């Protein structure tokens, strides 16, 4: 697997997990729970969006030292 692809996928995982942490915080502060399918669905969309965004913008980042 190319390093660029691997990096993008890992950033996608980070984005999805960060979203799930934010939903957990929301549920702790609000009285309204969020359904599990909604959490998983939006987390997958966020993960895919983060992976695509990092893959598309990696060559343009200032100071990028990867080949």
C-alpha atoms as a PDB file:
ATOM      1  CA  UNK A   1       0.000   0.000   0.000  1.00  0.00           C
ATOM      2  CA  UNK A   2       1.299   3.430  -0.895  1.00  0.00           C
ATOM      3  CA  UNK A   3       2.207   5.668   2.060  1.00  0.00           C
ATOM      4  CA  UNK A   4      -0.131   8.389   0.771  1.00  0.00           C
ATOM      5  CA  UNK A   5      -3.094   5.985   0.714  1.00  0.00           C
ATOM      6  CA  UNK A   6      -2.245   4.536   4.111  1.00  0.00           C
ATOM      7  CA  UNK A   7      -1.946   8.000   5.626  1.00  0.00           C
ATOM      8  CA  UNK A   8      -5.278   9.075   4.168  1.00  0.00           C
ATOM      9  CA  UNK A   9      -7.053   5.986   5.479  1.00  0.00           C
ATOM     10  CA  UNK A  10      -5.593   6.490   8.935  1.00  0.00           C
ATOM     11  CA  UNK A  11      -6.760  10.117   8.951  1.00  0.00           C
ATOM     12  CA  UNK A  12     -10.192   8.840   7.961  1.00  0.00           C
ATOM     13  CA  UNK A  13     -10.205   6.537  10.985  1.00  0.00           C
ATOM     14  CA  UNK A  14      -9.144   9.442  13.204  1.00  0.00           C
ATOM     15  CA  UNK A  15     -11.948  11.603  11.803  1.00  0.00           C
ATOM     16  CA  UNK A  16     -14.583   8.931  12.342  1.00  0.00           C
ATOM     17  CA  UNK A  17     -13.468   8.240  15.894  1.00  0.00           C
ATOM     18  CA  UNK A  18     -13.304  11.961  16.679  1.00  0.00           C
ATOM     19  CA  UNK A  19     -16.907  12.286  15.543  1.00  0.00           C
ATOM     20  CA  UNK A  20     -17.948   9.418  17.812  1.00  0.00           C
ATOM     21  CA  UNK A  21     -16.220  11.114  20.751  1.00  0.00           C
ATOM     22  CA  UNK A  22     -18.113  14.333  20.022  1.00  0.00           C
ATOM     23  CA  UNK A  23     -21.419  12.435  19.911  1.00  0.00           C
ATOM     24  CA  UNK A  24     -20.585  10.808  23.234  1.00  0.00           C
ATOM     25  CA  UNK A  25     -19.954  14.236  24.748  1.00  0.00           C
ATOM     26  CA  UNK A  26     -23.228  15.499  23.335  1.00  0.00           C
ATOM     27  CA  UNK A  27     -25.101  12.596  24.901  1.00  0.00           C
ATOM     28  CA  UNK A  28     -23.481  13.274  28.258  1.00  0.00           C
ATOM     29  CA  UNK A  29     -24.589  16.923  28.204  1.00  0.00           C
ATOM     30  CA  UNK A  30     -27.975  16.618  26.487  1.00  0.00           C
ATOM     31  CA  UNK A  31     -30.954  14.576  27.562  1.00  0.00           C
ATOM     32  CA  UNK A  32     -31.616  13.272  24.050  1.00  0.00           C
ATOM     33  CA  UNK A  33     -29.831  10.068  22.998  1.00  0.00           C
ATOM     34  CA  UNK A  34     -28.678   9.495  19.422  1.00  0.00           C
ATOM     35  CA  UNK A  35     -29.519   6.159  17.812  1.00  0.00           C
ATOM     36  CA  UNK A  36     -26.686   3.727  17.084  1.00  0.00           C
ATOM     37  CA  UNK A  37     -27.417   3.483  13.331  1.00  0.00           C
ATOM     38  CA  UNK A  38     -27.287   7.276  13.056  1.00  0.00           C
ATOM     39  CA  UNK A  39     -23.963   7.369  14.904  1.00  0.00           C
ATOM     40  CA  UNK A  40     -22.426   4.673  12.727  1.00  0.00           C
ATOM     41  CA  UNK A  41     -23.769   6.125   9.494  1.00  0.00           C
ATOM     42  CA  UNK A  42     -22.545   9.638  10.118  1.00  0.00           C
ATOM     43  CA  UNK A  43     -19.212   8.366  11.465  1.00  0.00           C
ATOM     44  CA  UNK A  44     -18.676   6.430   8.220  1.00  0.00           C
ATOM     45  CA  UNK A  45     -19.511   9.517   6.151  1.00  0.00           C
ATOM     46  CA  UNK A  46     -17.123  11.622   8.230  1.00  0.00           C
ATOM     47  CA  UNK A  47     -14.388   8.986   7.922  1.00  0.00           C
ATOM     48  CA  UNK A  48     -14.812   8.792   4.147  1.00  0.00           C
ATOM     49  CA  UNK A  49     -14.826  12.579   3.853  1.00  0.00           C
ATOM     50  CA  UNK A  50     -11.697  12.934   5.955  1.00  0.00           C
ATOM     51  CA  UNK A  51      -9.899  10.223   3.986  1.00  0.00           C
ATOM     52  CA  UNK A  52     -10.825  11.779   0.641  1.00  0.00           C
ATOM     53  CA  UNK A  53      -9.941  15.284   1.796  1.00  0.00           C
ATOM     54  CA  UNK A  54      -6.528  14.269   3.081  1.00  0.00           C
ATOM     55  CA  UNK A  55      -5.791  12.238  -0.044  1.00  0.00           C
ATOM     56  CA  UNK A  56      -6.730  15.163  -2.283  1.00  0.00           C
ATOM     57  CA  UNK A  57      -4.896  17.864  -0.340  1.00  0.00           C
ATOM     58  CA  UNK A  58      -1.732  16.053   0.723  1.00  0.00           C
ATOM     59  CA  UNK A  59       0.383  17.204  -2.254  1.00  0.00           C
ATOM     60  CA  UNK A  60      -0.557  20.840  -1.591  1.00  0.00           C
ATOM     61  CA  UNK A  61       0.357  20.942   2.076  1.00  0.00           C
ATOM     62  CA  UNK A  62       3.197  23.268   2.957  1.00  0.00           C
ATOM     63  CA  UNK A  63       6.238  21.459   4.291  1.00  0.00           C
ATOM     64  CA  UNK A  64       5.057  18.022   3.219  1.00  0.00           C
ATOM     65  CA  UNK A  65       8.136  15.799   3.387  1.00  0.00           C
ATOM     66  CA  UNK A  66       6.681  12.498   2.237  1.00  0.00           C
ATOM     67  CA  UNK A  67       7.710  11.276  -1.227  1.00  0.00           C
END
